[in-house]
Amino acid sequence: MKSFKAYFKKEITEAIRTYKYLVLFFGFIFWPAMLGPMMLKLLPLILKNYMPAETMQLFSDFTRDYAFQSFLSDSFQFMLAFMAFVLMGLLANEVRLKRLVFPYSRGADPEGVVLAKYIHYAITVSLFILIAFFIDYLYVDRFFTGGILSLKILFESSLLYILYFCTLLSILLYLSSLFRRGLAAGFTVLILGFSLSIFNQFDTIKAYFPNYLILKAADIGHVFDSSLIPAIIISFCLIILFVFLSVLRMKKIDVA
């Protein structure tokens, strides 16, 4: 417990010192949630002198639902890329820079170190996702009309995004313990996040992959249903598995 508290405080201090919160803010909130709806609103004005009237009519039909789904698509890409490369060195940097030598010599336990890192950034990612979704809702509700988008739909979609990115975070944490260079972990998670979307094309198996959470988050009006149960259970199991594997890895690794 002492190791957990000490490393949890350390992660907060280090995230502030290295501007990780600021970078994650830009990737999770500013670009997809704030800039995205404004650009979608301004797009017809920018293109009106270059596009035929028939094509411009398509832009005038944008609804709140379409704007929100556009945000979901953008946020998936931005959040995935920023999380992968900002947090890729969670454990790799600790080992490579020999930051664990002194804590381990003073009795710090790997469980506390791994749990502190995971829980700290799981909370950070979850809060940033919630903030991004609610900010986007304010912009979308102001700039667009029509559709069935509501705060209930918004909250349900945000919960699925939170679970998905917490699952990827646990995988990133484990990969970061395997590689001496965090870049390898970042690229692997990035490729994994995009490639798993391929399984959404197969109706018989798509509900058994975490990416199904992203697919259902964009299903306006039918976000929560019984088809989510396998993906939710599997996602929680993956989180437990990869955090556990990270602890085992950190017990065996040579930190000197």
C-alpha atoms as a PDB file:
ATOM      1  CA  MET A   1       0.000   0.000   0.000  1.00  0.00           C
ATOM      2  CA  LYS A   2       2.881   2.394   0.749  1.00  0.00           C
ATOM      3  CA  SER A   3       4.377   1.712  -2.680  1.00  0.00           C
ATOM      4  CA  PHE A   4       1.027   2.404  -4.318  1.00  0.00           C
ATOM      5  CA  LYS A   5       0.531   5.731  -2.550  1.00  0.00           C
ATOM      6  CA  ALA A   6       4.088   6.857  -3.189  1.00  0.00           C
ATOM      7  CA  TYR A   7       3.995   5.987  -6.899  1.00  0.00           C
ATOM      8  CA  PHE A   8       0.510   7.410  -7.353  1.00  0.00           C
ATOM      9  CA  LYS A   9       1.743  10.774  -6.060  1.00  0.00           C
ATOM     10  CA  LYS A  10       4.882  10.408  -8.188  1.00  0.00           C
ATOM     11  CA  GLU A  11       2.808   9.831 -11.333  1.00  0.00           C
ATOM     12  CA  ILE A  12       0.781  12.978 -10.693  1.00  0.00           C
ATOM     13  CA  THR A  13       3.916  15.043 -10.107  1.00  0.00           C
ATOM     14  CA  GLU A  14       5.671  13.592 -13.156  1.00  0.00           C
ATOM     15  CA  ALA A  15       2.621  14.054 -15.392  1.00  0.00           C
ATOM     16  CA  ILE A  16       2.518  17.736 -14.433  1.00  0.00           C
ATOM     17  CA  ARG A  17       6.277  18.197 -14.825  1.00  0.00           C
ATOM     18  CA  THR A  18       6.420  16.522 -18.247  1.00  0.00           C
ATOM     19  CA  TYR A  19       3.193  18.203 -19.499  1.00  0.00           C
ATOM     20  CA  LYS A  20       1.465  14.868 -20.092  1.00  0.00           C
ATOM     21  CA  TYR A  21      -1.857  16.242 -18.873  1.00  0.00           C
ATOM     22  CA  LEU A  22      -1.546  19.138 -21.309  1.00  0.00           C
ATOM     23  CA  VAL A  23      -0.689  16.905 -24.276  1.00  0.00           C
ATOM     24  CA  LEU A  24      -3.535  14.528 -23.431  1.00  0.00           C
ATOM     25  CA  PHE A  25      -5.858  17.530 -23.156  1.00  0.00           C
ATOM     26  CA  PHE A  26      -5.051  18.504 -26.739  1.00  0.00           C
ATOM     27  CA  GLY A  27      -5.457  14.943 -28.016  1.00  0.00           C
ATOM     28  CA  PHE A  28      -8.574  14.016 -26.041  1.00  0.00           C
ATOM     29  CA  ILE A  29     -10.443  17.303 -25.705  1.00  0.00           C
ATOM     30  CA  PHE A  30      -9.237  20.264 -27.764  1.00  0.00           C
ATOM     31  CA  TRP A  31      -8.958  18.792 -31.271  1.00  0.00           C
ATOM     32  CA  PRO A  32     -11.824  16.279 -31.373  1.00  0.00           C
ATOM     33  CA  ALA A  33     -14.313  17.869 -28.946  1.00  0.00           C
ATOM     34  CA  MET A  34     -13.748  21.607 -29.388  1.00  0.00           C
ATOM     35  CA  LEU A  35     -12.165  22.073 -32.799  1.00  0.00           C
ATOM     36  CA  GLY A  36     -14.037  19.227 -34.540  1.00  0.00           C
ATOM     37  CA  PRO A  37     -17.607  20.609 -34.285  1.00  0.00           C
ATOM     38  CA  MET A  38     -16.445  24.113 -35.200  1.00  0.00           C
ATOM     39  CA  MET A  39     -14.684  22.850 -38.332  1.00  0.00           C
ATOM     40  CA  LEU A  40     -17.749  20.798 -39.276  1.00  0.00           C
ATOM     41  CA  LYS A  41     -19.896  23.914 -38.910  1.00  0.00           C
ATOM     42  CA  LEU A  42     -17.487  26.089 -40.897  1.00  0.00           C
ATOM     43  CA  LEU A  43     -16.906  23.546 -43.660  1.00  0.00           C
ATOM     44  CA  PRO A  44     -19.917  24.594 -45.794  1.00  0.00           C
ATOM     45  CA  LEU A  45     -18.869  28.259 -45.543  1.00  0.00           C
ATOM     46  CA  ILE A  46     -15.332  27.420 -46.632  1.00  0.00           C
ATOM     47  CA  LEU A  47     -16.415  25.249 -49.568  1.00  0.00           C
ATOM     48  CA  LYS A  48     -19.472  27.142 -50.827  1.00  0.00           C
ATOM     49  CA  ASN A  49     -17.504  28.983 -53.525  1.00  0.00           C
ATOM     50  CA  TYR A  50     -15.836  25.808 -54.767  1.00  0.00           C
ATOM     51  CA  MET A  51     -18.622  23.215 -54.759  1.00  0.00           C
ATOM     52  CA  PRO A  52     -21.816  22.905 -56.833  1.00  0.00           C
ATOM     53  CA  ALA A  53     -25.109  23.757 -55.136  1.00  0.00           C
ATOM     54  CA  GLU A  54     -26.263  20.110 -55.183  1.00  0.00           C
ATOM     55  CA  THR A  55     -23.206  19.030 -53.210  1.00  0.00           C
ATOM     56  CA  MET A  56     -23.527  21.935 -50.775  1.00  0.00           C
ATOM     57  CA  GLN A  57     -27.048  20.780 -49.987  1.00  0.00           C
ATOM     58  CA  LEU A  58     -25.545  17.698 -48.330  1.00  0.00           C
ATOM     59  CA  PHE A  59     -23.685  19.885 -45.850  1.00  0.00           C
ATOM     60  CA  SER A  60     -26.853  21.759 -44.908  1.00  0.00           C
ATOM     61  CA  ASP A  61     -28.440  18.492 -43.778  1.00  0.00           C
ATOM     62  CA  PHE A  62     -25.955  17.860 -40.958  1.00  0.00           C
ATOM     63  CA  THR A  63     -27.846  16.954 -37.777  1.00  0.00           C
ATOM     64  CA  ARG A  64     -26.770  16.765 -34.144  1.00  0.00           C
ATOM     65  CA  ASP A  65     -26.552  12.986 -34.502  1.00  0.00           C
ATOM     66  CA  TYR A  66     -24.243  13.227 -37.519  1.00  0.00           C
ATOM     67  CA  ALA A  67     -22.039  15.791 -35.774  1.00  0.00           C
ATOM     68  CA  PHE A  68     -21.770  13.570 -32.688  1.00  0.00           C
ATOM     69  CA  GLN A  69     -20.912  10.497 -34.760  1.00  0.00           C
ATOM     70  CA  SER A  70     -18.274  12.557 -36.579  1.00  0.00           C
ATOM     71  CA  PHE A  71     -16.826  13.473 -33.188  1.00  0.00           C
ATOM     72  CA  LEU A  72     -16.747   9.799 -32.179  1.00  0.00           C
ATOM     73  CA  SER A  73     -14.830   8.881 -35.328  1.00  0.00           C
ATOM     74  CA  ASP A  74     -12.315  11.697 -34.846  1.00  0.00           C
ATOM     75  CA  SER A  75     -11.935  11.133 -31.117  1.00  0.00           C
ATOM     76  CA  PHE A  76     -11.211   7.416 -31.593  1.00  0.00           C
ATOM     77  CA  GLN A  77      -8.283   8.229 -33.863  1.00  0.00           C
ATOM     78  CA  PHE A  78      -6.944  11.156 -31.838  1.00  0.00           C
ATOM     79  CA  MET A  79      -7.336   9.486 -28.442  1.00  0.00           C
ATOM     80  CA  LEU A  80      -5.759   6.253 -29.646  1.00  0.00           C
ATOM     81  CA  ALA A  81      -2.731   7.987 -31.148  1.00  0.00           C
ATOM     82  CA  PHE A  82      -2.150  10.344 -28.219  1.00  0.00           C
ATOM     83  CA  MET A  83      -2.593   7.669 -25.552  1.00  0.00           C
ATOM     84  CA  ALA A  84      -0.289   5.258 -27.391  1.00  0.00           C
ATOM     85  CA  PHE A  85       2.581   7.723 -27.783  1.00  0.00           C
ATOM     86  CA  VAL A  86       2.217   9.810 -24.619  1.00  0.00           C
ATOM     87  CA  LEU A  87       1.964   6.776 -22.308  1.00  0.00           C
ATOM     88  CA  MET A  88       4.112   4.301 -24.248  1.00  0.00           C
ATOM     89  CA  GLY A  89       6.972   4.539 -21.757  1.00  0.00           C
ATOM     90  CA  LEU A  90       4.996   3.891 -18.575  1.00  0.00           C
ATOM     91  CA  LEU A  91       7.201   0.993 -17.479  1.00  0.00           C
ATOM     92  CA  ALA A  92       9.822   0.942 -20.240  1.00  0.00           C
ATOM     93  CA  ASN A  93      11.263   4.302 -19.188  1.00  0.00           C
ATOM     94  CA  GLU A  94      11.368   3.263 -15.527  1.00  0.00           C
ATOM     95  CA  VAL A  95      13.500   0.245 -16.429  1.00  0.00           C
ATOM     96  CA  ARG A  96      15.625   1.822 -19.175  1.00  0.00           C
ATOM     97  CA  LEU A  97      16.508   4.877 -17.075  1.00  0.00           C
ATOM     98  CA  LYS A  98      17.065   2.702 -13.970  1.00  0.00           C
ATOM     99  CA  ARG A  99      14.520   4.642 -11.924  1.00  0.00           C
ATOM    100  CA  LEU A 100      13.437   1.518 -10.058  1.00  0.00           C
ATOM    101  CA  VAL A 101      16.808   0.669  -8.526  1.00  0.00           C
ATOM    102  CA  PHE A 102      16.426   2.935  -5.507  1.00  0.00           C
ATOM    103  CA  PRO A 103      12.692   2.259  -4.859  1.00  0.00           C
ATOM    104  CA  TYR A 104      13.204  -1.511  -5.115  1.00  0.00           C
ATOM    105  CA  SER A 105      16.190  -1.326  -2.781  1.00  0.00           C
ATOM    106  CA  ARG A 106      13.990   0.473  -0.244  1.00  0.00           C
ATOM    107  CA  GLY A 107      11.334  -2.215  -0.373  1.00  0.00           C
ATOM    108  CA  ALA A 108       8.939  -0.963  -3.044  1.00  0.00           C
ATOM    109  CA  ASP A 109       6.831  -3.782  -4.435  1.00  0.00           C
ATOM    110  CA  PRO A 110       6.035  -4.285  -8.146  1.00  0.00           C
ATOM    111  CA  GLU A 111       2.303  -4.605  -7.421  1.00  0.00           C
ATOM    112  CA  GLY A 112       2.166  -1.095  -5.977  1.00  0.00           C
ATOM    113  CA  VAL A 113       4.195   0.378  -8.840  1.00  0.00           C
ATOM    114  CA  VAL A 114       2.106  -1.221 -11.599  1.00  0.00           C
ATOM    115  CA  LEU A 115      -1.264  -0.550  -9.960  1.00  0.00           C
ATOM    116  CA  ALA A 116      -0.374   3.076  -9.224  1.00  0.00           C
ATOM    117  CA  LYS A 117       0.586   3.693 -12.841  1.00  0.00           C
ATOM    118  CA  TYR A 118      -2.457   1.934 -14.275  1.00  0.00           C
ATOM    119  CA  ILE A 119      -5.048   3.410 -11.908  1.00  0.00           C
ATOM    120  CA  HIS A 120      -3.627   6.929 -12.215  1.00  0.00           C
ATOM    121  CA  TYR A 121      -3.812   6.971 -16.001  1.00  0.00           C
ATOM    122  CA  ALA A 122      -7.090   5.032 -16.100  1.00  0.00           C
ATOM    123  CA  ILE A 123      -8.610   7.830 -14.000  1.00  0.00           C
ATOM    124  CA  THR A 124      -6.923  10.475 -16.158  1.00  0.00           C
ATOM    125  CA  VAL A 125      -8.116   8.930 -19.428  1.00  0.00           C
ATOM    126  CA  SER A 126     -11.636   8.410 -18.053  1.00  0.00           C
ATOM    127  CA  LEU A 127     -11.960  12.018 -16.868  1.00  0.00           C
ATOM    128  CA  PHE A 128     -10.626  13.414 -20.133  1.00  0.00           C
ATOM    129  CA  ILE A 129     -13.065  11.269 -22.127  1.00  0.00           C
ATOM    130  CA  LEU A 130     -16.017  12.412 -20.002  1.00  0.00           C
ATOM    131  CA  ILE A 131     -14.988  16.055 -20.335  1.00  0.00           C
ATOM    132  CA  ALA A 132     -14.488  15.683 -24.093  1.00  0.00           C
ATOM    133  CA  PHE A 133     -17.922  14.130 -24.580  1.00  0.00           C
ATOM    134  CA  PHE A 134     -19.754  16.782 -22.591  1.00  0.00           C
ATOM    135  CA  ILE A 135     -17.886  19.649 -24.240  1.00  0.00           C
ATOM    136  CA  ASP A 136     -18.675  18.181 -27.651  1.00  0.00           C
ATOM    137  CA  TYR A 137     -22.340  17.927 -26.656  1.00  0.00           C
ATOM    138  CA  LEU A 138     -22.408  21.644 -25.798  1.00  0.00           C
ATOM    139  CA  TYR A 139     -20.884  22.577 -29.154  1.00  0.00           C
ATOM    140  CA  VAL A 140     -23.051  20.167 -31.160  1.00  0.00           C
ATOM    141  CA  ASP A 141     -26.216  21.288 -29.400  1.00  0.00           C
ATOM    142  CA  ARG A 142     -25.386  24.909 -30.186  1.00  0.00           C
ATOM    143  CA  PHE A 143     -24.258  24.540 -33.813  1.00  0.00           C
ATOM    144  CA  PHE A 144     -26.645  21.852 -35.141  1.00  0.00           C
ATOM    145  CA  THR A 145     -30.302  20.889 -34.938  1.00  0.00           C
ATOM    146  CA  GLY A 146     -32.382  17.751 -35.333  1.00  0.00           C
ATOM    147  CA  GLY A 147     -31.615  14.183 -34.387  1.00  0.00           C
ATOM    148  CA  ILE A 148     -32.238  12.256 -31.167  1.00  0.00           C
ATOM    149  CA  LEU A 149     -28.949  12.959 -29.386  1.00  0.00           C
ATOM    150  CA  SER A 150     -29.451  13.364 -25.628  1.00  0.00           C
ATOM    151  CA  LEU A 151     -27.363  13.504 -22.479  1.00  0.00           C
ATOM    152  CA  LYS A 152     -28.337   9.884 -21.765  1.00  0.00           C
ATOM    153  CA  ILE A 153     -26.994   8.722 -25.142  1.00  0.00           C
ATOM    154  CA  LEU A 154     -23.893  10.836 -24.626  1.00  0.00           C
ATOM    155  CA  PHE A 155     -23.202   9.327 -21.194  1.00  0.00           C
ATOM    156  CA  GLU A 156     -23.741   5.755 -22.417  1.00  0.00           C
ATOM    157  CA  SER A 157     -21.368   6.284 -25.359  1.00  0.00           C
ATOM    158  CA  SER A 158     -18.732   7.846 -23.107  1.00  0.00           C
ATOM    159  CA  LEU A 159     -18.836   4.835 -20.755  1.00  0.00           C
ATOM    160  CA  LEU A 160     -18.124   2.485 -23.670  1.00  0.00           C
ATOM    161  CA  TYR A 161     -15.226   4.674 -24.783  1.00  0.00           C
ATOM    162  CA  ILE A 162     -13.853   4.701 -21.233  1.00  0.00           C
ATOM    163  CA  LEU A 163     -13.952   0.910 -20.967  1.00  0.00           C
ATOM    164  CA  TYR A 164     -12.353   0.514 -24.395  1.00  0.00           C
ATOM    165  CA  PHE A 165      -9.464   2.872 -23.705  1.00  0.00           C
ATOM    166  CA  CYS A 166      -8.904   1.454 -20.211  1.00  0.00           C
ATOM    167  CA  THR A 167      -8.589  -1.955 -21.900  1.00  0.00           C
ATOM    168  CA  LEU A 168      -6.037  -0.616 -24.381  1.00  0.00           C
ATOM    169  CA  LEU A 169      -4.217   1.107 -21.517  1.00  0.00           C
ATOM    170  CA  SER A 170      -3.751  -2.236 -19.731  1.00  0.00           C
ATOM    171  CA  ILE A 171      -2.317  -3.736 -22.937  1.00  0.00           C
ATOM    172  CA  LEU A 172      -0.039  -0.723 -23.383  1.00  0.00           C
ATOM    173  CA  LEU A 173       1.149  -1.086 -19.786  1.00  0.00           C
ATOM    174  CA  TYR A 174       2.086  -4.725 -20.340  1.00  0.00           C
ATOM    175  CA  LEU A 175       3.807  -4.070 -23.664  1.00  0.00           C
ATOM    176  CA  SER A 176       5.736  -1.243 -22.021  1.00  0.00           C
ATOM    177  CA  SER A 177       7.107  -3.768 -19.530  1.00  0.00           C
ATOM    178  CA  LEU A 178       8.249  -6.043 -22.370  1.00  0.00           C
ATOM    179  CA  PHE A 179      10.193  -3.508 -24.435  1.00  0.00           C
ATOM    180  CA  ARG A 180      13.162  -1.420 -23.404  1.00  0.00           C
ATOM    181  CA  ARG A 181      11.965   1.296 -25.771  1.00  0.00           C
ATOM    182  CA  GLY A 182       8.460   2.588 -25.279  1.00  0.00           C
ATOM    183  CA  LEU A 183       8.123   3.424 -28.973  1.00  0.00           C
ATOM    184  CA  ALA A 184       7.687  -0.258 -29.777  1.00  0.00           C
ATOM    185  CA  ALA A 185       4.826  -0.508 -27.280  1.00  0.00           C
ATOM    186  CA  GLY A 186       3.201   2.643 -28.674  1.00  0.00           C
ATOM    187  CA  PHE A 187       3.291   1.464 -32.279  1.00  0.00           C
ATOM    188  CA  THR A 188       2.035  -2.005 -31.322  1.00  0.00           C
ATOM    189  CA  VAL A 189      -1.004  -0.617 -29.491  1.00  0.00           C
ATOM    190  CA  LEU A 190      -1.700   1.824 -32.326  1.00  0.00           C
ATOM    191  CA  ILE A 191      -1.654  -0.961 -34.904  1.00  0.00           C
ATOM    192  CA  LEU A 192      -3.715  -3.212 -32.627  1.00  0.00           C
ATOM    193  CA  GLY A 193      -6.331  -0.525 -32.051  1.00  0.00           C
ATOM    194  CA  PHE A 194      -6.880   0.075 -35.757  1.00  0.00           C
ATOM    195  CA  SER A 195      -6.527  -3.520 -36.933  1.00  0.00           C
ATOM    196  CA  LEU A 196      -9.076  -4.955 -34.494  1.00  0.00           C
ATOM    197  CA  SER A 197     -11.721  -2.795 -36.201  1.00  0.00           C
ATOM    198  CA  ILE A 198     -11.576  -5.277 -39.070  1.00  0.00           C
ATOM    199  CA  PHE A 199     -13.511  -7.780 -36.959  1.00  0.00           C
ATOM    200  CA  ASN A 200     -16.491  -5.398 -36.868  1.00  0.00           C
ATOM    201  CA  GLN A 201     -17.203  -6.606 -40.411  1.00  0.00           C
ATOM    202  CA  PHE A 202     -17.989 -10.136 -39.180  1.00  0.00           C
ATOM    203  CA  ASP A 203     -21.386 -10.358 -37.487  1.00  0.00           C
ATOM    204  CA  THR A 204     -20.725 -13.718 -35.851  1.00  0.00           C
ATOM    205  CA  ILE A 205     -17.635 -12.657 -33.885  1.00  0.00           C
ATOM    206  CA  LYS A 206     -17.590  -8.844 -33.687  1.00  0.00           C
ATOM    207  CA  ALA A 207     -19.349  -8.775 -30.300  1.00  0.00           C
ATOM    208  CA  TYR A 208     -16.453 -10.675 -28.719  1.00  0.00           C
ATOM    209  CA  PHE A 209     -13.815  -8.002 -29.341  1.00  0.00           C
ATOM    210  CA  PRO A 210     -13.298  -4.748 -27.400  1.00  0.00           C
ATOM    211  CA  ASN A 211     -13.646  -2.711 -30.613  1.00  0.00           C
ATOM    212  CA  TYR A 212     -17.335  -3.601 -30.572  1.00  0.00           C
ATOM    213  CA  LEU A 213     -17.627  -1.058 -27.750  1.00  0.00           C
ATOM    214  CA  ILE A 214     -16.569   1.684 -30.185  1.00  0.00           C
ATOM    215  CA  LEU A 215     -19.028   0.425 -32.797  1.00  0.00           C
ATOM    216  CA  LYS A 216     -21.951   0.471 -30.341  1.00  0.00           C
ATOM    217  CA  ALA A 217     -20.989   3.870 -28.954  1.00  0.00           C
ATOM    218  CA  ALA A 218     -21.859   5.344 -32.372  1.00  0.00           C
ATOM    219  CA  ASP A 219     -25.151   3.416 -32.626  1.00  0.00           C
ATOM    220  CA  ILE A 220     -27.356   6.386 -31.740  1.00  0.00           C
ATOM    221  CA  GLY A 221     -30.525   5.243 -29.988  1.00  0.00           C
ATOM    222  CA  HIS A 222     -29.291   1.701 -29.350  1.00  0.00           C
ATOM    223  CA  VAL A 223     -26.050   2.205 -27.442  1.00  0.00           C
ATOM    224  CA  PHE A 224     -26.772  -0.161 -24.566  1.00  0.00           C
ATOM    225  CA  ASP A 225     -28.272  -3.568 -25.373  1.00  0.00           C
ATOM    226  CA  SER A 226     -27.656  -7.224 -24.552  1.00  0.00           C
ATOM    227  CA  SER A 227     -25.201  -7.646 -27.438  1.00  0.00           C
ATOM    228  CA  LEU A 228     -22.660  -5.663 -25.389  1.00  0.00           C
ATOM    229  CA  ILE A 229     -22.391  -8.251 -22.616  1.00  0.00           C
ATOM    230  CA  PRO A 230     -19.620 -10.389 -24.215  1.00  0.00           C
ATOM    231  CA  ALA A 231     -17.490  -7.353 -25.149  1.00  0.00           C
ATOM    232  CA  ILE A 232     -17.865  -5.836 -21.672  1.00  0.00           C
ATOM    233  CA  ILE A 233     -16.970  -9.082 -19.885  1.00  0.00           C
ATOM    234  CA  ILE A 234     -14.009  -9.746 -22.187  1.00  0.00           C
ATOM    235  CA  SER A 235     -12.745  -6.166 -21.777  1.00  0.00           C
ATOM    236  CA  PHE A 236     -12.768  -6.397 -17.973  1.00  0.00           C
ATOM    237  CA  CYS A 237     -11.053  -9.799 -18.151  1.00  0.00           C
ATOM    238  CA  LEU A 238      -8.356  -8.349 -20.444  1.00  0.00           C
ATOM    239  CA  ILE A 239      -7.747  -5.469 -18.033  1.00  0.00           C
ATOM    240  CA  ILE A 240      -7.272  -7.861 -15.108  1.00  0.00           C
ATOM    241  CA  LEU A 241      -5.116 -10.197 -17.205  1.00  0.00           C
ATOM    242  CA  PHE A 242      -2.716  -7.590 -18.586  1.00  0.00           C
ATOM    243  CA  VAL A 243      -2.329  -5.751 -15.274  1.00  0.00           C
ATOM    244  CA  PHE A 244      -1.552  -9.109 -13.640  1.00  0.00           C
ATOM    245  CA  LEU A 245       0.939  -9.984 -16.399  1.00  0.00           C
ATOM    246  CA  SER A 246       2.572  -6.564 -15.952  1.00  0.00           C
ATOM    247  CA  VAL A 247       3.058  -7.260 -12.246  1.00  0.00           C
ATOM    248  CA  LEU A 248       4.594 -10.663 -13.003  1.00  0.00           C
ATOM    249  CA  ARG A 249       6.892  -9.108 -15.573  1.00  0.00           C
ATOM    250  CA  MET A 250       8.059  -6.413 -13.182  1.00  0.00           C
ATOM    251  CA  LYS A 251       8.835  -9.041 -10.549  1.00  0.00           C
ATOM    252  CA  LYS A 252      11.151 -10.860 -12.935  1.00  0.00           C
ATOM    253  CA  ILE A 253      12.782  -7.981 -14.755  1.00  0.00           C
ATOM    254  CA  ASP A 254      16.321  -6.870 -13.931  1.00  0.00           C
ATOM    255  CA  VAL A 255      16.046  -3.187 -12.961  1.00  0.00           C
ATOM    256  CA  ALA A 256      19.741  -2.679 -12.244  1.00  0.00           C
END
